[in-house]
């Protein structure tokens, strides 16, 4: 005999989707690093198009255009900003997602 179990819609616990901090941190760090590298490549492709990359200087403390130490500092800072956002956003999202499920 074949029996079927019927579950009322109200009795199923709501599934809460959480954001994994590690995956978000890696994804954002890679996104910011690629954006940084594309910005530097854009400068080499057309140096007169952007005036000394003022946005990079604003968001990346210690950044100076066209020096190796500054290039690596900007890359490390870009990776750090990705982890900063992930370490703040993911736990907050996970907290509120479980609170209001």
PDB file of N, CA and C in Angstrom:
ATOM      1  N   UNK A   1       0.842  -1.161   0.000  1.00  0.00           N
ATOM      2  CA  UNK A   1       0.000   0.000   0.000  1.00  0.00           C
ATOM      3  C   UNK A   1       0.901   1.243   0.000  1.00  0.00           C
ATOM      4  N   UNK A   2       0.583   2.169  -0.828  1.00  0.00           N
ATOM      5  CA  UNK A   2       1.359   3.389  -0.974  1.00  0.00           C
ATOM      6  C   UNK A   2       0.707   4.495  -0.155  1.00  0.00           C
ATOM      7  N   UNK A   3       1.452   5.057   0.795  1.00  0.00           N
ATOM      8  CA  UNK A   3       0.895   6.141   1.610  1.00  0.00           C
ATOM      9  C   UNK A   3       1.651   7.433   1.332  1.00  0.00           C
ATOM     10  N   UNK A   4       0.927   8.497   1.395  1.00  0.00           N
ATOM     11  CA  UNK A   4       1.530   9.814   1.186  1.00  0.00           C
ATOM     12  C   UNK A   4       1.384  10.623   2.460  1.00  0.00           C
ATOM     13  N   UNK A   5       2.405  11.344   2.789  1.00  0.00           N
ATOM     14  CA  UNK A   5       2.363  12.199   3.963  1.00  0.00           C
ATOM     15  C   UNK A   5       2.032  13.616   3.516  1.00  0.00           C
ATOM     16  N   UNK A   6       1.033  14.168   4.103  1.00  0.00           N
ATOM     17  CA  UNK A   6       0.627  15.532   3.776  1.00  0.00           C
ATOM     18  C   UNK A   6       1.091  16.432   4.917  1.00  0.00           C
ATOM     19  N   UNK A   7       1.799  17.462   4.550  1.00  0.00           N
ATOM     20  CA  UNK A   7       2.314  18.405   5.537  1.00  0.00           C
ATOM     21  C   UNK A   7       1.633  19.741   5.297  1.00  0.00           C
ATOM     22  N   UNK A   8       1.071  20.263   6.343  1.00  0.00           N
ATOM     23  CA  UNK A   8       0.415  21.566   6.237  1.00  0.00           C
ATOM     24  C   UNK A   8       1.456  22.644   5.986  1.00  0.00           C
ATOM     25  N   UNK A   9       1.061  23.635   5.223  1.00  0.00           N
ATOM     26  CA  UNK A   9       2.009  24.691   4.852  1.00  0.00           C
ATOM     27  C   UNK A   9       2.535  25.429   6.070  1.00  0.00           C
ATOM     28  N   UNK A  10       1.750  25.577   7.115  1.00  0.00           N
ATOM     29  CA  UNK A  10       2.179  26.303   8.301  1.00  0.00           C
ATOM     30  C   UNK A  10       3.134  25.515   9.174  1.00  0.00           C
ATOM     31  N   UNK A  11       3.248  24.207   8.970  1.00  0.00           N
ATOM     32  CA  UNK A  11       4.101  23.398   9.841  1.00  0.00           C
ATOM     33  C   UNK A  11       5.531  23.261   9.333  1.00  0.00           C
ATOM     34  N   UNK A  12       5.813  23.714   8.124  1.00  0.00           N
ATOM     35  CA  UNK A  12       7.169  23.626   7.574  1.00  0.00           C
ATOM     36  C   UNK A  12       7.966  24.826   8.076  1.00  0.00           C
ATOM     37  N   UNK A  13       9.094  24.576   8.720  1.00  0.00           N
ATOM     38  CA  UNK A  13       9.877  25.719   9.181  1.00  0.00           C
ATOM     39  C   UNK A  13      10.443  26.499   7.995  1.00  0.00           C
ATOM     40  N   UNK A  14      10.429  27.783   8.131  1.00  0.00           N
ATOM     41  CA  UNK A  14      10.950  28.639   7.063  1.00  0.00           C
ATOM     42  C   UNK A  14      12.458  28.471   6.969  1.00  0.00           C
ATOM     43  N   UNK A  15      12.930  28.246   5.764  1.00  0.00           N
ATOM     44  CA  UNK A  15      14.366  28.118   5.549  1.00  0.00           C
ATOM     45  C   UNK A  15      14.982  29.511   5.476  1.00  0.00           C
ATOM     46  N   UNK A  16      16.033  29.703   6.217  1.00  0.00           N
ATOM     47  CA  UNK A  16      16.723  30.980   6.218  1.00  0.00           C
ATOM     48  C   UNK A  16      18.021  30.827   5.448  1.00  0.00           C
ATOM     49  N   UNK A  17      18.172  31.627   4.450  1.00  0.00           N
ATOM     50  CA  UNK A  17      19.408  31.597   3.678  1.00  0.00           C
ATOM     51  C   UNK A  17      20.399  32.549   4.319  1.00  0.00           C
ATOM     52  N   UNK A  18      21.570  32.045   4.597  1.00  0.00           N
ATOM     53  CA  UNK A  18      22.601  32.887   5.194  1.00  0.00           C
ATOM     54  C   UNK A  18      23.709  33.126   4.175  1.00  0.00           C
ATOM     55  N   UNK A  19      24.439  34.170   4.388  1.00  0.00           N
ATOM     56  CA  UNK A  19      25.547  34.521   3.514  1.00  0.00           C
ATOM     57  C   UNK A  19      26.836  34.005   4.145  1.00  0.00           C
ATOM     58  N   UNK A  20      27.566  33.133   3.464  1.00  0.00           N
ATOM     59  CA  UNK A  20      28.835  32.668   4.017  1.00  0.00           C
ATOM     60  C   UNK A  20      29.890  33.781   3.940  1.00  0.00           C
ATOM     61  N   UNK A  21      30.478  34.089   5.064  1.00  0.00           N
ATOM     62  CA  UNK A  21      31.429  35.199   5.151  1.00  0.00           C
ATOM     63  C   UNK A  21      32.657  34.934   4.272  1.00  0.00           C
ATOM     64  N   UNK A  22      33.160  33.718   4.287  1.00  0.00           N
ATOM     65  CA  UNK A  22      34.361  33.392   3.511  1.00  0.00           C
ATOM     66  C   UNK A  22      34.132  33.578   2.016  1.00  0.00           C
ATOM     67  N   UNK A  23      33.029  33.071   1.510  1.00  0.00           N
ATOM     68  CA  UNK A  23      32.746  33.201   0.077  1.00  0.00           C
ATOM     69  C   UNK A  23      32.530  34.657  -0.311  1.00  0.00           C
ATOM     70  N   UNK A  24      31.806  35.400   0.515  1.00  0.00           N
ATOM     71  CA  UNK A  24      31.572  36.809   0.225  1.00  0.00           C
ATOM     72  C   UNK A  24      32.876  37.603   0.274  1.00  0.00           C
ATOM     73  N   UNK A  25      33.713  37.309   1.261  1.00  0.00           N
ATOM     74  CA  UNK A  25      34.994  38.007   1.369  1.00  0.00           C
ATOM     75  C   UNK A  25      35.888  37.766   0.171  1.00  0.00           C
ATOM     76  N   UNK A  26      35.959  36.527  -0.261  1.00  0.00           N
ATOM     77  CA  UNK A  26      36.787  36.215  -1.432  1.00  0.00           C
ATOM     78  C   UNK A  26      36.222  36.873  -2.691  1.00  0.00           C
ATOM     79  N   UNK A  27      34.898  36.830  -2.862  1.00  0.00           N
ATOM     80  CA  UNK A  27      34.280  37.404  -4.055  1.00  0.00           C
ATOM     81  C   UNK A  27      34.460  38.920  -4.106  1.00  0.00           C
ATOM     82  N   UNK A  28      34.216  39.593  -2.992  1.00  0.00           N
ATOM     83  CA  UNK A  28      34.367  41.048  -2.981  1.00  0.00           C
ATOM     84  C   UNK A  28      35.824  41.466  -3.133  1.00  0.00           C
ATOM     85  N   UNK A  29      36.733  40.745  -2.492  1.00  0.00           N
ATOM     86  CA  UNK A  29      38.154  41.076  -2.628  1.00  0.00           C
ATOM     87  C   UNK A  29      38.609  40.933  -4.069  1.00  0.00           C
ATOM     88  N   UNK A  30      38.172  39.870  -4.722  1.00  0.00           N
ATOM     89  CA  UNK A  30      38.531  39.678  -6.123  1.00  0.00           C
ATOM     90  C   UNK A  30      37.894  40.746  -7.005  1.00  0.00           C
ATOM     91  N   UNK A  31      36.655  41.096  -6.732  1.00  0.00           N
ATOM     92  CA  UNK A  31      35.989  42.155  -7.490  1.00  0.00           C
ATOM     93  C   UNK A  31      36.733  43.481  -7.354  1.00  0.00           C
ATOM     94  N   UNK A  32      37.082  43.860  -6.129  1.00  0.00           N
ATOM     95  CA  UNK A  32      37.790  45.126  -5.921  1.00  0.00           C
ATOM     96  C   UNK A  32      39.196  45.094  -6.520  1.00  0.00           C
ATOM     97  N   UNK A  33      39.880  43.958  -6.441  1.00  0.00           N
ATOM     98  CA  UNK A  33      41.223  43.848  -7.019  1.00  0.00           C
ATOM     99  C   UNK A  33      41.168  43.940  -8.544  1.00  0.00           C
ATOM    100  N   UNK A  34      40.201  43.276  -9.162  1.00  0.00           N
ATOM    101  CA  UNK A  34      40.061  43.363 -10.616  1.00  0.00           C
ATOM    102  C   UNK A  34      39.710  44.786 -11.037  1.00  0.00           C
ATOM    103  N   UNK A  35      38.838  45.437 -10.289  1.00  0.00           N
ATOM    104  CA  UNK A  35      38.486  46.828 -10.596  1.00  0.00           C
ATOM    105  C   UNK A  35      39.704  47.736 -10.490  1.00  0.00           C
ATOM    106  N   UNK A  36      40.518  47.517  -9.474  1.00  0.00           N
ATOM    107  CA  UNK A  36      41.741  48.301  -9.290  1.00  0.00           C
ATOM    108  C   UNK A  36      42.701  48.086 -10.469  1.00  0.00           C
ATOM    109  N   UNK A  37      42.898  46.826 -10.845  1.00  0.00           N
ATOM    110  CA  UNK A  37      43.802  46.521 -11.954  1.00  0.00           C
ATOM    111  C   UNK A  37      43.284  47.092 -13.276  1.00  0.00           C
ATOM    112  N   UNK A  38      41.982  47.055 -13.480  1.00  0.00           N
ATOM    113  CA  UNK A  38      41.418  47.654 -14.690  1.00  0.00           C
ATOM    114  C   UNK A  38      41.593  49.164 -14.708  1.00  0.00           C
ATOM    115  N   UNK A  39      41.495  49.787 -13.552  1.00  0.00           N
ATOM    116  CA  UNK A  39      41.690  51.232 -13.467  1.00  0.00           C
ATOM    117  C   UNK A  39      43.138  51.606 -13.799  1.00  0.00           C
ATOM    118  N   UNK A  40      44.075  50.824 -13.283  1.00  0.00           N
ATOM    119  CA  UNK A  40      45.481  51.075 -13.596  1.00  0.00           C
ATOM    120  C   UNK A  40      45.746  50.827 -15.081  1.00  0.00           C
ATOM    121  N   UNK A  41      45.165  49.765 -15.649  1.00  0.00           N
ATOM    122  CA  UNK A  41      45.324  49.475 -17.076  1.00  0.00           C
ATOM    123  C   UNK A  41      44.717  50.588 -17.921  1.00  0.00           C
ATOM    124  N   UNK A  42      43.592  51.147 -17.495  1.00  0.00           N
ATOM    125  CA  UNK A  42      42.972  52.255 -18.216  1.00  0.00           C
ATOM    126  C   UNK A  42      43.902  53.461 -18.244  1.00  0.00           C
ATOM    127  N   UNK A  43      44.616  53.692 -17.159  1.00  0.00           N
ATOM    128  CA  UNK A  43      45.554  54.813 -17.143  1.00  0.00           C
ATOM    129  C   UNK A  43      46.666  54.601 -18.169  1.00  0.00           C
ATOM    130  N   UNK A  44      47.189  53.380 -18.267  1.00  0.00           N
ATOM    131  CA  UNK A  44      48.253  53.121 -19.236  1.00  0.00           C
ATOM    132  C   UNK A  44      47.739  53.187 -20.671  1.00  0.00           C
ATOM    133  N   UNK A  45      46.483  52.821 -20.872  1.00  0.00           N
ATOM    134  CA  UNK A  45      45.908  52.844 -22.201  1.00  0.00           C
ATOM    135  C   UNK A  45      45.627  54.278 -22.651  1.00  0.00           C
ATOM    136  N   UNK A  46      45.158  55.120 -21.715  1.00  0.00           N
ATOM    137  CA  UNK A  46      44.841  56.500 -22.047  1.00  0.00           C
ATOM    138  C   UNK A  46      45.135  57.399 -20.846  1.00  0.00           C
ATOM    139  N   UNK A  47      46.384  57.822 -20.702  1.00  0.00           N
ATOM    140  CA  UNK A  47      46.762  58.618 -19.526  1.00  0.00           C
ATOM    141  C   UNK A  47      46.061  59.975 -19.440  1.00  0.00           C
ATOM    142  N   UNK A  48      45.643  60.540 -20.558  1.00  0.00           N
ATOM    143  CA  UNK A  48      44.995  61.854 -20.511  1.00  0.00           C
ATOM    144  C   UNK A  48      43.493  61.753 -20.243  1.00  0.00           C
ATOM    145  N   UNK A  49      42.949  60.543 -20.280  1.00  0.00           N
ATOM    146  CA  UNK A  49      41.511  60.377 -20.093  1.00  0.00           C
ATOM    147  C   UNK A  49      41.079  60.667 -18.655  1.00  0.00           C
ATOM    148  N   UNK A  50      41.869  60.260 -17.717  1.00  0.00           N
ATOM    149  CA  UNK A  50      41.532  60.452 -16.311  1.00  0.00           C
ATOM    150  C   UNK A  50      42.626  61.299 -15.679  1.00  0.00           C
ATOM    151  N   UNK A  51      42.235  62.327 -14.977  1.00  0.00           N
ATOM    152  CA  UNK A  51      43.193  63.230 -14.347  1.00  0.00           C
ATOM    153  C   UNK A  51      43.830  62.605 -13.110  1.00  0.00           C
ATOM    154  N   UNK A  52      44.947  61.967 -13.267  1.00  0.00           N
ATOM    155  CA  UNK A  52      45.758  61.404 -12.176  1.00  0.00           C
ATOM    156  C   UNK A  52      44.993  60.466 -11.234  1.00  0.00           C
ATOM    157  N   UNK A  53      43.912  59.922 -11.681  1.00  0.00           N
ATOM    158  CA  UNK A  53      43.157  58.942 -10.894  1.00  0.00           C
ATOM    159  C   UNK A  53      42.864  59.448  -9.477  1.00  0.00           C
ATOM    160  N   UNK A  54      42.186  60.552  -9.391  1.00  0.00           N
ATOM    161  CA  UNK A  54      41.878  61.157  -8.099  1.00  0.00           C
ATOM    162  C   UNK A  54      41.016  60.263  -7.217  1.00  0.00           C
ATOM    163  N   UNK A  55      40.180  59.429  -7.802  1.00  0.00           N
ATOM    164  CA  UNK A  55      39.360  58.523  -7.000  1.00  0.00           C
ATOM    165  C   UNK A  55      40.220  57.471  -6.306  1.00  0.00           C
ATOM    166  N   UNK A  56      41.257  56.991  -6.980  1.00  0.00           N
ATOM    167  CA  UNK A  56      42.150  56.025  -6.335  1.00  0.00           C
ATOM    168  C   UNK A  56      42.869  56.653  -5.156  1.00  0.00           C
ATOM    169  N   UNK A  57      43.301  57.874  -5.321  1.00  0.00           N
ATOM    170  CA  UNK A  57      43.991  58.571  -4.235  1.00  0.00           C
ATOM    171  C   UNK A  57      43.036  58.804  -3.070  1.00  0.00           C
ATOM    172  N   UNK A  58      41.765  59.059  -3.375  1.00  0.00           N
ATOM    173  CA  UNK A  58      40.774  59.312  -2.337  1.00  0.00           C
ATOM    174  C   UNK A  58      40.478  58.048  -1.523  1.00  0.00           C
ATOM    175  N   UNK A  59      40.299  56.906  -2.194  1.00  0.00           N
ATOM    176  CA  UNK A  59      39.896  55.681  -1.500  1.00  0.00           C
ATOM    177  C   UNK A  59      41.056  54.807  -1.032  1.00  0.00           C
ATOM    178  N   UNK A  60      42.234  55.015  -1.568  1.00  0.00           N
ATOM    179  CA  UNK A  60      43.383  54.191  -1.196  1.00  0.00           C
ATOM    180  C   UNK A  60      44.456  55.076  -0.564  1.00  0.00           C
ATOM    181  N   UNK A  61      44.476  55.177   0.761  1.00  0.00           N
ATOM    182  CA  UNK A  61      45.458  56.034   1.430  1.00  0.00           C
ATOM    183  C   UNK A  61      46.889  55.596   1.109  1.00  0.00           C
ATOM    184  N   UNK A  62      47.724  56.551   0.817  1.00  0.00           N
ATOM    185  CA  UNK A  62      49.120  56.267   0.511  1.00  0.00           C
ATOM    186  C   UNK A  62      49.375  55.928  -0.937  1.00  0.00           C
ATOM    187  N   UNK A  63      48.349  55.918  -1.779  1.00  0.00           N
ATOM    188  CA  UNK A  63      48.506  55.550  -3.185  1.00  0.00           C
ATOM    189  C   UNK A  63      49.120  56.692  -3.967  1.00  0.00           C
ATOM    190  N   UNK A  64      50.146  56.386  -4.737  1.00  0.00           N
ATOM    191  CA  UNK A  64      50.756  57.315  -5.683  1.00  0.00           C
ATOM    192  C   UNK A  64      50.831  56.587  -7.013  1.00  0.00           C
ATOM    193  N   UNK A  65      50.461  57.264  -8.066  1.00  0.00           N
ATOM    194  CA  UNK A  65      50.396  56.628  -9.375  1.00  0.00           C
ATOM    195  C   UNK A  65      51.791  56.313  -9.916  1.00  0.00           C
ATOM    196  N   UNK A  66      51.943  55.136 -10.464  1.00  0.00           N
ATOM    197  CA  UNK A  66      53.116  54.673 -11.208  1.00  0.00           C
ATOM    198  C   UNK A  66      54.360  54.421 -10.359  1.00  0.00           C
ATOM    199  N   UNK A  67      54.214  53.926  -9.173  1.00  0.00           N
ATOM    200  CA  UNK A  67      55.355  53.406  -8.414  1.00  0.00           C
ATOM    201  C   UNK A  67      55.013  51.993  -7.982  1.00  0.00           C
ATOM    202  N   UNK A  68      55.973  51.098  -7.990  1.00  0.00           N
ATOM    203  CA  UNK A  68      55.724  49.701  -7.635  1.00  0.00           C
ATOM    204  C   UNK A  68      55.225  49.533  -6.203  1.00  0.00           C
ATOM    205  N   UNK A  69      55.867  50.176  -5.217  1.00  0.00           N
ATOM    206  CA  UNK A  69      55.338  50.014  -3.851  1.00  0.00           C
ATOM    207  C   UNK A  69      53.898  50.498  -3.712  1.00  0.00           C
ATOM    208  N   UNK A  70      53.579  51.599  -4.383  1.00  0.00           N
ATOM    209  CA  UNK A  70      52.224  52.127  -4.321  1.00  0.00           C
ATOM    210  C   UNK A  70      51.243  51.210  -5.051  1.00  0.00           C
ATOM    211  N   UNK A  71      51.684  50.598  -6.144  1.00  0.00           N
ATOM    212  CA  UNK A  71      50.824  49.658  -6.868  1.00  0.00           C
ATOM    213  C   UNK A  71      50.429  48.490  -5.969  1.00  0.00           C
ATOM    214  N   UNK A  72      51.416  47.897  -5.300  1.00  0.00           N
ATOM    215  CA  UNK A  72      51.123  46.754  -4.423  1.00  0.00           C
ATOM    216  C   UNK A  72      50.331  47.180  -3.185  1.00  0.00           C
ATOM    217  N   UNK A  73      50.595  48.376  -2.680  1.00  0.00           N
ATOM    218  CA  UNK A  73      49.812  48.900  -1.557  1.00  0.00           C
ATOM    219  C   UNK A  73      48.347  49.056  -1.956  1.00  0.00           C
ATOM    220  N   UNK A  74      48.097  49.599  -3.141  1.00  0.00           N
ATOM    221  CA  UNK A  74      46.725  49.745  -3.625  1.00  0.00           C
ATOM    222  C   UNK A  74      46.038  48.408  -3.826  1.00  0.00           C
ATOM    223  N   UNK A  75      46.784  47.415  -4.304  1.00  0.00           N
ATOM    224  CA  UNK A  75      46.212  46.083  -4.487  1.00  0.00           C
ATOM    225  C   UNK A  75      45.848  45.441  -3.150  1.00  0.00           C
ATOM    226  N   UNK A  76      46.732  45.579  -2.176  1.00  0.00           N
ATOM    227  CA  UNK A  76      46.472  45.032  -0.841  1.00  0.00           C
ATOM    228  C   UNK A  76      45.299  45.758  -0.181  1.00  0.00           C
ATOM    229  N   UNK A  77      45.242  47.071  -0.334  1.00  0.00           N
ATOM    230  CA  UNK A  77      44.125  47.825   0.230  1.00  0.00           C
ATOM    231  C   UNK A  77      42.807  47.436  -0.439  1.00  0.00           C
ATOM    232  N   UNK A  78      42.811  47.191  -1.734  1.00  0.00           N
ATOM    233  CA  UNK A  78      41.600  46.752  -2.432  1.00  0.00           C
ATOM    234  C   UNK A  78      41.120  45.413  -1.891  1.00  0.00           C
ATOM    235  N   UNK A  79      42.045  44.490  -1.685  1.00  0.00           N
ATOM    236  CA  UNK A  79      41.684  43.199  -1.106  1.00  0.00           C
ATOM    237  C   UNK A  79      41.156  43.373   0.322  1.00  0.00           C
ATOM    238  N   UNK A  80      41.784  44.262   1.073  1.00  0.00           N
ATOM    239  CA  UNK A  80      41.346  44.522   2.445  1.00  0.00           C
ATOM    240  C   UNK A  80      39.951  45.120   2.517  1.00  0.00           C
ATOM    241  N   UNK A  81      39.621  46.017   1.581  1.00  0.00           N
ATOM    242  CA  UNK A  81      38.274  46.590   1.564  1.00  0.00           C
ATOM    243  C   UNK A  81      37.219  45.521   1.296  1.00  0.00           C
ATOM    244  N   UNK A  82      37.539  44.557   0.452  1.00  0.00           N
ATOM    245  CA  UNK A  82      36.598  43.472   0.197  1.00  0.00           C
ATOM    246  C   UNK A  82      36.308  42.680   1.459  1.00  0.00           C
ATOM    247  N   UNK A  83      37.370  42.360   2.212  1.00  0.00           N
ATOM    248  CA  UNK A  83      37.171  41.621   3.464  1.00  0.00           C
ATOM    249  C   UNK A  83      36.481  42.470   4.514  1.00  0.00           C
ATOM    250  N   UNK A  84      36.764  43.759   4.539  1.00  0.00           N
ATOM    251  CA  UNK A  84      36.103  44.652   5.485  1.00  0.00           C
ATOM    252  C   UNK A  84      34.593  44.642   5.265  1.00  0.00           C
ATOM    253  N   UNK A  85      34.178  44.799   4.018  1.00  0.00           N
ATOM    254  CA  UNK A  85      32.750  44.801   3.705  1.00  0.00           C
ATOM    255  C   UNK A  85      32.124  43.453   4.050  1.00  0.00           C
ATOM    256  N   UNK A  86      32.811  42.364   3.719  1.00  0.00           N
ATOM    257  CA  UNK A  86      32.261  41.031   3.992  1.00  0.00           C
ATOM    258  C   UNK A  86      32.135  40.771   5.488  1.00  0.00           C
ATOM    259  N   UNK A  87      33.128  41.176   6.264  1.00  0.00           N
ATOM    260  CA  UNK A  87      33.096  40.920   7.703  1.00  0.00           C
ATOM    261  C   UNK A  87      32.057  41.760   8.428  1.00  0.00           C
ATOM    262  N   UNK A  88      31.659  42.869   7.828  1.00  0.00           N
ATOM    263  CA  UNK A  88      30.600  43.690   8.416  1.00  0.00           C
ATOM    264  C   UNK A  88      29.233  43.275   7.885  1.00  0.00           C
ATOM    265  N   UNK A  89      29.105  43.108   6.566  1.00  0.00           N
ATOM    266  CA  UNK A  89      27.803  42.869   5.960  1.00  0.00           C
ATOM    267  C   UNK A  89      27.250  41.477   6.253  1.00  0.00           C
ATOM    268  N   UNK A  90      28.037  40.440   6.061  1.00  0.00           N
ATOM    269  CA  UNK A  90      27.513  39.067   6.177  1.00  0.00           C
ATOM    270  C   UNK A  90      26.963  38.754   7.573  1.00  0.00           C
ATOM    271  N   UNK A  91      27.677  39.051   8.660  1.00  0.00           N
ATOM    272  CA  UNK A  91      27.076  38.777   9.970  1.00  0.00           C
ATOM    273  C   UNK A  91      25.820  39.598  10.237  1.00  0.00           C
ATOM    274  N   UNK A  92      25.805  40.856   9.797  1.00  0.00           N
ATOM    275  CA  UNK A  92      24.597  41.662   9.978  1.00  0.00           C
ATOM    276  C   UNK A  92      23.422  41.087   9.194  1.00  0.00           C
ATOM    277  N   UNK A  93      23.676  40.708   7.959  1.00  0.00           N
ATOM    278  CA  UNK A  93      22.613  40.111   7.152  1.00  0.00           C
ATOM    279  C   UNK A  93      22.131  38.807   7.772  1.00  0.00           C
ATOM    280  N   UNK A  94      23.053  37.959   8.175  1.00  0.00           N
ATOM    281  CA  UNK A  94      22.680  36.678   8.772  1.00  0.00           C
ATOM    282  C   UNK A  94      21.886  36.880  10.062  1.00  0.00           C
ATOM    283  N   UNK A  95      22.260  37.874  10.853  1.00  0.00           N
ATOM    284  CA  UNK A  95      21.531  38.153  12.091  1.00  0.00           C
ATOM    285  C   UNK A  95      20.099  38.547  11.797  1.00  0.00           C
ATOM    286  N   UNK A  96      19.915  39.500  10.891  1.00  0.00           N
ATOM    287  CA  UNK A  96      18.564  39.969  10.595  1.00  0.00           C
ATOM    288  C   UNK A  96      17.752  38.930   9.829  1.00  0.00           C
ATOM    289  N   UNK A  97      18.405  38.108   9.013  1.00  0.00           N
ATOM    290  CA  UNK A  97      17.694  37.054   8.288  1.00  0.00           C
ATOM    291  C   UNK A  97      17.132  36.015   9.249  1.00  0.00           C
ATOM    292  N   UNK A  98      17.886  35.679  10.291  1.00  0.00           N
ATOM    293  CA  UNK A  98      17.364  34.711  11.272  1.00  0.00           C
ATOM    294  C   UNK A  98      16.378  35.368  12.218  1.00  0.00           C
ATOM    295  N   UNK A  99      16.542  36.651  12.467  1.00  0.00           N
ATOM    296  CA  UNK A  99      15.634  37.358  13.372  1.00  0.00           C
ATOM    297  C   UNK A  99      14.237  37.480  12.781  1.00  0.00           C
ATOM    298  N   UNK A 100      14.161  37.776  11.486  1.00  0.00           N
ATOM    299  CA  UNK A 100      12.874  38.035  10.834  1.00  0.00           C
ATOM    300  C   UNK A 100      12.454  36.917   9.893  1.00  0.00           C
ATOM    301  N   UNK A 101      12.763  35.697  10.204  1.00  0.00           N
ATOM    302  CA  UNK A 101      12.354  34.604   9.292  1.00  0.00           C
ATOM    303  C   UNK A 101      10.935  34.222   9.479  1.00  0.00           C
TER     304      UNK A 101
END
